[in-house]
Amino acid sequence: MKHEELALFGGPKTIDKKFPWPVYDEAEVNAVAEVVRGGAWGNPDCGGLVAAFEKEFADFCGTRYALACVNGSVALRLALMACGVKPGDEVIIPPYSFIATASIVVEANCIPVFADIEQDTYNLDPEAVEKAITPRTKAIIPVHFAGQACNMDALGNIARKHGLRIIEDACHGHGGEYKGRKLGSIGDAGCFSFQSSKNLNSGEGGIVVTNDDTIAGLVDSLRNVGRVKGGQWYEHHFLGCNYRITQLQAVLLQQQLKRLDSQTRRRNDNGLYLISLLEKIPGISPLTRGHGETLHTYHIFIFRYDKSFFNGTPKKDFAGMLAAEGVPSFKGYPEPLYKQQVFQKKNFMCYAIPDHVDYSGICCPVTEVACYEEAVWILQHAMLGSKEDMEKFAEAILKIQQVLNTGAM
């Protein structure tokens, strides 16, 4: 095979198919149209259709409360604040995540402390978490990255031992399960995003789930300008803001929630099948299963790439070739969160991060290898395809490998 046979250089694509997202039909269109015609678009009282969706989502997650807000980032910050952190407290987070996992900690005037990830799951390593704890540590934010459940038993034991709060970042985890329990329902609070790429989406939006009365009450107040149940309209008890979602988002989410379980099970089944295909290809190592997850959402299907089996081709070049072959894929995060300029230069503006905090010398080796050398993502809407599509994804990787190893490039 010659390099001209690769789609990147003008050859035919391995898979010439679109994977539409979002998935919707007239049910969503009619639900939104009914709200538009009704004229009650907003949500000043945190009731109505929004409250109805919140109850449905709480029931889905198996929690007592679900409180919607404008996005997943705000959900995380409100949950963290409601868990009682104070300025200068430390919060342990993974460095392999979206920036919001770290930035919300700073916005709460707390200090992000980065603990490395496990090589086989890309989730927080409990041993690294234990080593990162100091007398100032107050919370852990495990990220169920790509929809793979974290080791919640180990993290829960650590939290109980040290008296720490756990806020689950389940923004990739809608419908996923750990030992039969829904992600987000295991810690003190769980947070989800409804941004347009997420497995459950309304364009934007977020939600906090919890079984804790105090956390729920504080999140409810903070998202609604500091108001409290039974209080007056212009009566404000906490320093909150207007983080409410609209009735339009709520009805979209109600309809999308009806699809979520079947979509999640399809992604899970396709993920298992794709693992069975890719683990046969030298140099390709899918992230492993069997760590307690009973349902994987595959918001991202991740495999580890070893360039030595691809004629030394760097990951970013391989990822470009794979995308050109028609596989909805991406090279993943370009660098760990602590390498972002906002942390390297401490561009925190008005937030009260102590002068002694310094991110310039941090190194989390597993995360750095994932970012710079190994991690390749296949996106969630592709995981709603058929088994034949999964076979085509594997075929595309084999094609690239064969071309690269002929030495024709």
Protein backbone atom coordinates (compact mmCIF):
# COMPACT_ATOMS: atom_id res chain seq x y z
CA MET A 1 0.00 0.00 0.00
CA LYS A 2 1.15 3.55 -0.75
CA HIS A 3 0.51 6.74 1.12
CA GLU A 4 -1.75 7.94 -1.71
CA GLU A 5 -4.26 5.32 -0.56
CA LEU A 6 -4.82 7.20 2.69
CA ALA A 7 -7.80 9.56 2.61
CA LEU A 8 -5.59 12.35 3.97
CA PHE A 9 -3.63 12.23 0.72
CA GLY A 10 -6.54 11.80 -1.69
CA GLY A 11 -7.43 8.13 -1.30
CA PRO A 12 -10.94 6.83 -0.57
CA LYS A 13 -12.29 7.10 2.96
CA THR A 14 -12.65 3.89 4.91
CA ILE A 15 -16.01 5.05 6.18
CA ASP A 16 -18.05 7.60 4.22
CA LYS A 17 -20.94 8.17 6.59
CA LYS A 18 -22.28 10.90 8.86
CA PHE A 19 -23.12 10.26 12.50
CA PRO A 20 -25.82 12.84 13.28
CA TRP A 21 -25.97 14.59 16.63
CA PRO A 22 -28.18 15.53 18.34
CA VAL A 23 -30.74 12.80 17.71
CA TYR A 24 -34.28 14.19 17.73
CA ASP A 25 -37.66 13.97 16.05
CA GLU A 26 -41.01 15.76 16.12
CA ALA A 27 -41.38 15.06 19.84
CA GLU A 28 -38.68 17.65 20.62
CA VAL A 29 -40.00 20.07 18.00
CA ASN A 30 -43.57 19.87 19.29
CA ALA A 31 -42.53 20.16 22.95
CA VAL A 32 -40.55 23.33 22.30
CA ALA A 33 -43.29 24.75 20.07
CA GLU A 34 -45.85 24.26 22.84
CA VAL A 35 -43.70 26.26 25.27
CA VAL A 36 -43.15 28.99 22.70
CA ARG A 37 -46.87 29.28 22.03
CA GLY A 38 -47.60 29.31 25.77
CA GLY A 39 -45.42 32.37 26.27
CA ALA A 40 -43.95 31.20 29.62
CA TRP A 41 -40.35 30.80 28.49
CA GLY A 42 -38.46 31.75 31.61
CA ASN A 43 -38.19 30.09 35.00
CA PRO A 44 -38.29 32.81 37.68
CA ASP A 45 -39.73 30.54 40.36
CA CYS A 46 -37.61 27.43 39.63
CA GLY A 47 -40.82 25.54 39.06
CA GLY A 48 -43.08 24.37 36.27
CA LEU A 49 -41.48 22.35 33.51
CA VAL A 50 -38.01 22.83 34.98
CA ALA A 51 -39.09 21.32 38.29
CA ALA A 52 -40.77 18.47 36.42
CA PHE A 53 -37.55 17.66 34.57
CA GLU A 54 -35.55 17.91 37.79
CA LYS A 55 -37.77 15.30 39.41
CA GLU A 56 -37.43 13.01 36.40
CA PHE A 57 -33.65 13.36 36.40
CA ALA A 58 -33.41 12.80 40.17
CA ASP A 59 -35.50 9.64 39.79
CA PHE A 60 -33.27 8.53 36.90
CA CYS A 61 -30.12 9.03 39.01
CA GLY A 62 -31.64 7.61 42.19
CA THR A 63 -31.15 10.80 44.21
CA ARG A 64 -33.50 12.87 46.34
CA TYR A 65 -32.66 16.15 44.61
CA ALA A 66 -31.70 17.47 41.20
CA LEU A 67 -31.19 21.21 40.70
CA ALA A 68 -30.74 22.57 37.19
CA CYS A 69 -28.54 25.52 36.30
CA VAL A 70 -26.98 27.21 33.28
CA ASN A 71 -24.10 24.80 32.61
CA GLY A 72 -21.95 22.03 34.03
CA SER A 73 -19.18 24.41 35.09
CA VAL A 74 -21.57 26.40 37.27
CA ALA A 75 -23.04 23.14 38.60
CA LEU A 76 -19.58 22.10 39.81
CA ARG A 77 -18.87 25.47 41.41
CA LEU A 78 -22.22 25.66 43.18
CA ALA A 79 -21.85 22.10 44.47
CA LEU A 80 -18.34 22.83 45.73
CA MET A 81 -19.48 25.99 47.51
CA ALA A 82 -22.50 24.21 48.97
CA CYS A 83 -20.16 21.57 50.39
CA GLY A 84 -18.72 24.25 52.66
CA VAL A 85 -15.28 25.04 51.28
CA LYS A 86 -13.63 28.29 52.37
CA PRO A 87 -11.06 30.55 50.65
CA GLY A 88 -7.65 28.91 50.69
CA ASP A 89 -8.95 25.36 51.02
CA GLU A 90 -7.41 22.75 48.71
CA VAL A 91 -9.40 20.62 46.29
CA ILE A 92 -7.84 17.57 44.62
CA ILE A 93 -8.60 17.18 40.92
CA PRO A 94 -7.18 15.31 37.90
CA PRO A 95 -5.09 17.23 35.34
CA TYR A 96 -6.65 15.29 32.45
CA SER A 97 -10.02 17.02 32.14
CA PHE A 98 -11.75 20.05 30.68
CA ILE A 99 -10.52 23.37 32.10
CA ALA A 100 -13.72 23.87 34.12
CA THR A 101 -12.77 21.10 36.56
CA ALA A 102 -9.89 23.33 37.66
CA SER A 103 -11.23 26.81 36.99
CA ILE A 104 -14.32 26.36 39.17
CA VAL A 105 -12.05 25.60 42.12
CA VAL A 106 -10.26 28.90 41.61
CA GLU A 107 -13.59 30.70 41.17
CA ALA A 108 -14.57 29.38 44.61
CA ASN A 109 -11.33 30.95 45.94
CA CYS A 110 -9.91 27.51 46.60
CA ILE A 111 -6.65 25.94 45.44
CA PRO A 112 -6.64 23.22 42.76
CA VAL A 113 -4.23 20.41 43.65
CA PHE A 114 -3.47 18.10 40.73
CA ALA A 115 -3.18 14.35 41.32
CA ASP A 116 -2.18 12.04 38.48
CA ILE A 117 -4.43 9.59 36.65
CA GLU A 118 -4.33 5.82 36.19
CA GLN A 119 -2.76 4.66 32.95
CA ASP A 120 -5.46 2.10 32.15
CA THR A 121 -8.54 4.28 32.85
CA TYR A 122 -7.36 7.93 32.71
CA ASN A 123 -9.28 8.49 35.95
CA LEU A 124 -7.94 9.85 39.25
CA ASP A 125 -5.41 7.48 40.81
CA PRO A 126 -6.46 6.89 44.44
CA GLU A 127 -2.82 6.45 45.50
CA ALA A 128 -1.94 9.83 43.99
CA VAL A 129 -4.94 11.37 45.75
CA GLU A 130 -3.82 10.00 49.11
CA LYS A 131 -0.33 11.46 48.62
CA ALA A 132 -1.77 14.88 47.69
CA ILE A 133 -3.77 15.34 50.89
CA THR A 134 -2.65 18.04 53.33
CA PRO A 135 -4.32 19.61 56.40
CA ARG A 136 -5.83 22.19 53.99
CA THR A 137 -7.55 19.59 51.77
CA LYS A 138 -11.33 19.79 51.94
CA ALA A 139 -12.68 18.03 48.83
CA ILE A 140 -11.97 15.68 45.94
CA ILE A 141 -13.48 16.10 42.48
CA PRO A 142 -13.20 12.77 40.65
CA VAL A 143 -13.99 13.05 36.94
CA HIS A 144 -15.70 10.04 35.38
CA PHE A 145 -13.64 10.72 32.32
CA ALA A 146 -15.09 9.67 28.96
CA GLY A 147 -17.92 8.01 30.90
CA GLN A 148 -15.67 5.47 32.64
CA ALA A 149 -16.56 5.27 36.34
CA CYS A 150 -13.84 6.24 38.80
CA ASN A 151 -12.83 3.89 41.60
CA MET A 152 -15.46 5.29 43.93
CA ASP A 153 -14.91 2.67 46.64
CA ALA A 154 -11.24 3.63 47.05
CA LEU A 155 -11.94 7.36 46.79
CA GLY A 156 -14.83 7.07 49.22
CA ASN A 157 -12.61 5.30 51.75
CA ILE A 158 -10.00 8.06 51.42
CA ALA A 159 -12.65 10.76 51.84
CA ARG A 160 -14.09 9.15 54.96
CA LYS A 161 -10.63 8.63 56.45
CA HIS A 162 -9.72 12.31 56.05
CA GLY A 163 -13.15 13.91 56.43
CA LEU A 164 -13.33 15.15 52.84
CA ARG A 165 -16.22 15.92 50.53
CA ILE A 166 -16.58 14.23 47.15
CA ILE A 167 -18.13 16.15 44.26
CA GLU A 168 -18.47 13.88 41.23
CA ASP A 169 -17.76 15.52 37.89
CA ALA A 170 -20.14 13.37 35.87
CA CYS A 171 -20.29 15.72 32.88
CA HIS A 172 -19.33 12.73 30.69
CA GLY A 173 -21.33 10.27 32.73
CA HIS A 174 -25.06 10.65 32.03
CA GLY A 175 -26.60 7.23 32.61
CA GLY A 176 -23.35 5.49 33.49
CA GLU A 177 -23.14 3.18 36.49
CA TYR A 178 -20.61 2.08 39.10
CA LYS A 179 -21.52 -1.24 40.73
CA GLY A 180 -25.13 -0.65 39.72
CA ARG A 181 -25.34 2.91 41.09
CA LYS A 182 -25.76 5.82 38.72
CA LEU A 183 -22.75 8.09 38.34
CA GLY A 184 -23.30 11.34 40.20
CA SER A 185 -25.30 9.66 42.97
CA ILE A 186 -22.37 8.22 44.94
CA GLY A 187 -20.51 11.22 46.39
CA ASP A 188 -21.84 14.15 48.39
CA ALA A 189 -23.00 15.71 45.11
CA GLY A 190 -22.77 14.95 41.40
CA CYS A 191 -22.68 17.39 38.50
CA PHE A 192 -23.67 17.05 34.86
CA SER A 193 -23.43 19.22 31.76
CA PHE A 194 -26.09 19.51 29.07
CA GLN A 195 -23.81 21.31 26.61
CA SER A 196 -24.37 20.39 22.97
CA SER A 197 -21.69 17.68 22.72
CA LYS A 198 -22.90 15.82 25.82
CA ASN A 199 -24.79 12.52 25.79
CA LEU A 200 -27.84 14.33 27.21
CA ASN A 201 -28.06 17.86 25.88
CA SER A 202 -30.18 20.96 25.42
CA GLY A 203 -27.50 23.09 23.81
CA GLU A 204 -26.38 24.40 27.20
CA GLY A 205 -27.33 23.64 30.79
CA GLY A 206 -26.22 21.72 33.84
CA ILE A 207 -27.53 20.08 36.99
CA VAL A 208 -26.48 19.12 40.52
CA VAL A 209 -27.79 15.91 42.08
CA THR A 210 -27.51 15.09 45.78
CA ASN A 211 -29.16 13.29 48.68
CA ASP A 212 -28.04 15.95 51.18
CA ASP A 213 -30.68 18.42 52.37
CA THR A 214 -28.19 21.17 53.20
CA ILE A 215 -26.32 20.92 49.90
CA ALA A 216 -29.58 20.93 47.97
CA GLY A 217 -30.87 23.97 49.83
CA LEU A 218 -27.70 25.95 49.26
CA VAL A 219 -27.45 25.07 45.56
CA ASP A 220 -31.11 26.00 45.14
CA SER A 221 -30.48 29.40 46.72
CA LEU A 222 -27.16 30.11 44.98
CA ARG A 223 -28.63 29.45 41.54
CA ASN A 224 -31.56 31.78 42.26
CA VAL A 225 -29.90 35.03 43.41
CA GLY A 226 -29.63 33.92 47.02
CA ARG A 227 -33.37 33.52 47.55
CA VAL A 228 -34.67 30.83 49.92
CA LYS A 229 -37.88 28.81 49.96
CA GLY A 230 -40.66 30.78 51.62
CA GLY A 231 -38.79 34.07 51.36
CA GLN A 232 -39.80 37.24 49.57
CA TRP A 233 -38.86 38.01 45.96
CA TYR A 234 -36.44 40.77 46.96
CA GLU A 235 -35.05 38.89 49.95
CA HIS A 236 -31.54 37.48 49.49
CA HIS A 237 -29.78 35.26 52.03
CA PHE A 238 -26.65 34.17 50.12
CA LEU A 239 -24.36 35.65 47.48
CA GLY A 240 -25.93 33.87 44.55
CA CYS A 241 -26.70 34.82 40.99
CA ASN A 242 -29.26 34.02 38.30
CA TYR A 243 -28.10 30.62 37.09
CA ARG A 244 -31.58 29.30 36.20
CA ILE A 245 -32.35 27.41 32.99
CA THR A 246 -35.42 28.06 30.86
CA GLN A 247 -38.61 26.12 30.25
CA LEU A 248 -37.45 25.61 26.64
CA GLN A 249 -34.34 23.75 27.81
CA ALA A 250 -36.37 21.72 30.28
CA VAL A 251 -38.74 20.30 27.68
CA LEU A 252 -35.86 19.46 25.36
CA LEU A 253 -34.19 17.60 28.21
CA GLN A 254 -37.39 15.78 29.10
CA GLN A 255 -37.61 14.41 25.57
CA GLN A 256 -33.90 13.64 25.33
CA LEU A 257 -33.98 11.83 28.68
CA LYS A 258 -36.44 9.33 27.18
CA ARG A 259 -33.71 8.28 24.74
CA LEU A 260 -30.78 8.25 27.14
CA ASP A 261 -30.91 4.74 28.58
CA SER A 262 -31.19 2.99 25.21
CA GLN A 263 -28.47 5.24 23.75
CA THR A 264 -26.18 4.55 26.70
CA ARG A 265 -26.62 0.79 26.35
CA ARG A 266 -25.91 1.01 22.64
CA ARG A 267 -22.71 2.98 23.28
CA ASN A 268 -21.71 0.51 25.98
CA ASP A 269 -22.26 -2.51 23.72
CA ASN A 270 -20.45 -0.87 20.81
CA GLY A 271 -17.59 0.04 23.12
CA LEU A 272 -17.18 -3.55 24.25
CA TYR A 273 -17.23 -4.74 20.65
CA LEU A 274 -14.74 -2.09 19.53
CA ILE A 275 -12.40 -3.10 22.35
CA SER A 276 -12.48 -6.68 21.10
CA LEU A 277 -11.47 -5.46 17.64
CA LEU A 278 -8.81 -2.93 18.59
CA GLU A 279 -7.01 -5.04 21.17
CA LYS A 280 -5.94 -7.30 18.30
CA ILE A 281 -4.06 -4.46 16.59
CA PRO A 282 -0.43 -4.10 17.69
CA GLY A 283 0.22 -0.68 19.19
CA ILE A 284 -3.43 0.03 20.00
CA SER A 285 -4.54 -0.38 23.64
CA PRO A 286 -8.12 0.56 24.52
CA LEU A 287 -8.63 1.84 28.06
CA THR A 288 -9.59 -1.12 30.18
CA ARG A 289 -12.90 -2.22 31.67
CA GLY A 290 -13.59 -4.24 34.79
CA HIS A 291 -12.90 -1.59 37.44
CA GLY A 292 -16.42 -1.45 38.86
CA GLU A 293 -18.25 0.17 35.96
CA THR A 294 -21.47 -1.68 35.18
CA LEU A 295 -22.50 0.71 32.42
CA HIS A 296 -20.03 2.86 30.44
CA THR A 297 -21.42 5.92 28.65
CA TYR A 298 -18.56 6.19 26.13
CA HIS A 299 -18.90 9.93 25.85
CA ILE A 300 -15.45 9.32 24.42
CA PHE A 301 -13.97 5.99 23.38
CA ILE A 302 -10.26 6.28 24.17
CA PHE A 303 -7.38 4.12 23.07
CA ARG A 304 -3.67 4.44 23.77
CA TYR A 305 -1.51 4.77 20.66
CA ASP A 306 2.06 3.46 20.46
CA LYS A 307 3.86 5.14 17.59
CA SER A 308 6.56 2.46 17.48
CA PHE A 309 4.02 0.18 15.77
CA PHE A 310 3.25 2.92 13.22
CA ASN A 311 6.72 3.66 11.89
CA GLY A 312 7.32 6.31 14.55
CA THR A 313 4.46 8.53 13.35
CA PRO A 314 3.54 11.12 16.04
CA LYS A 315 0.13 10.88 17.62
CA LYS A 316 -1.15 14.15 16.17
CA ASP A 317 -0.35 12.98 12.63
CA PHE A 318 -1.96 9.59 13.21
CA ALA A 319 -5.07 11.28 14.63
CA GLY A 320 -5.31 13.47 11.54
CA MET A 321 -5.09 10.43 9.30
CA LEU A 322 -7.78 8.62 11.28
CA ALA A 323 -10.18 11.56 11.09
CA ALA A 324 -9.57 11.83 7.35
CA GLU A 325 -10.59 8.18 6.99
CA GLY A 326 -14.06 9.17 8.22
CA VAL A 327 -13.76 8.14 11.86
CA PRO A 328 -15.15 10.92 14.12
CA SER A 329 -11.98 11.18 16.18
CA PHE A 330 -9.59 13.62 17.80
CA LYS A 331 -6.12 13.73 19.36
CA GLY A 332 -7.51 14.73 22.76
CA TYR A 333 -6.19 17.34 25.16
CA PRO A 334 -2.92 18.88 23.95
CA GLU A 335 -1.50 19.35 27.47
CA PRO A 336 -2.32 18.82 31.15
CA LEU A 337 -4.40 21.47 32.87
CA TYR A 338 -1.49 22.67 34.98
CA LYS A 339 0.42 23.48 31.76
CA GLN A 340 -2.30 25.88 30.64
CA GLN A 341 -1.13 29.50 30.72
CA VAL A 342 -3.79 30.47 33.23
CA PHE A 343 -2.02 28.22 35.78
CA GLN A 344 1.56 28.70 34.64
CA LYS A 345 1.20 32.49 34.86
CA LYS A 346 -1.39 32.44 37.66
CA ASN A 347 -3.72 34.71 35.71
CA PHE A 348 -6.37 34.43 38.41
CA MET A 349 -7.31 38.12 38.56
CA CYS A 350 -9.46 38.81 41.61
CA TYR A 351 -9.41 35.31 43.07
CA ALA A 352 -7.63 34.79 46.37
CA ILE A 353 -4.96 32.20 45.56
CA PRO A 354 -2.05 32.44 48.03
CA ASP A 355 1.31 33.63 46.73
CA HIS A 356 3.02 30.36 47.70
CA VAL A 357 0.95 28.36 45.19
CA ASP A 358 3.11 27.56 42.16
CA TYR A 359 2.19 25.31 39.22
CA SER A 360 5.39 25.78 37.22
CA GLY A 361 7.14 22.69 38.58
CA ILE A 362 4.27 20.21 38.55
CA CYS A 363 4.63 16.99 36.59
CA CYS A 364 2.01 14.23 36.46
CA PRO A 365 3.78 11.66 34.24
CA VAL A 366 0.81 9.53 33.22
CA THR A 367 -1.17 12.61 32.20
CA GLU A 368 1.73 14.02 30.19
CA VAL A 369 2.18 10.78 28.25
CA ALA A 370 -1.57 10.69 27.58
CA CYS A 371 -1.56 14.26 26.25
CA TYR A 372 1.64 14.25 24.25
CA GLU A 373 1.97 10.67 23.04
CA GLU A 374 -0.86 8.22 23.61
CA ALA A 375 -4.50 9.29 23.91
CA VAL A 376 -6.72 9.20 20.82
CA TRP A 377 -10.46 9.80 21.11
CA ILE A 378 -13.45 8.52 19.14
CA LEU A 379 -16.45 10.76 19.83
CA GLN A 380 -19.74 9.74 21.41
CA HIS A 381 -22.06 10.20 18.46
CA ALA A 382 -19.94 7.71 16.50
CA MET A 383 -20.55 5.16 19.26
CA LEU A 384 -24.25 5.20 18.35
CA GLY A 385 -23.38 3.55 15.02
CA SER A 386 -23.72 -0.09 14.05
CA LYS A 387 -21.40 -3.03 14.66
CA GLU A 388 -20.37 -2.67 11.04
CA ASP A 389 -19.30 0.90 11.80
CA MET A 390 -17.13 -0.34 14.68
CA GLU A 391 -15.52 -2.77 12.25
CA LYS A 392 -14.85 0.09 9.84
CA PHE A 393 -13.18 2.08 12.63
CA ALA A 394 -10.82 -0.84 13.26
CA GLU A 395 -10.29 -1.26 9.53
CA ALA A 396 -9.25 2.39 9.23
CA ILE A 397 -6.59 1.96 11.91
CA LEU A 398 -5.26 -1.18 10.24
CA LYS A 399 -5.15 0.59 6.90
CA ILE A 400 -3.11 3.44 8.36
CA GLN A 401 -0.76 1.01 10.07
CA GLN A 402 -0.17 -0.98 6.90
CA VAL A 403 0.56 2.13 4.85
CA LEU A 404 2.93 3.61 7.42
CA ASN A 405 4.81 0.38 7.91
CA THR A 406 5.46 -0.15 4.22
CA GLY A 407 7.87 2.77 4.45
CA ALA A 408 6.21 4.43 1.45
CA MET A 409 5.81 7.67 3.40
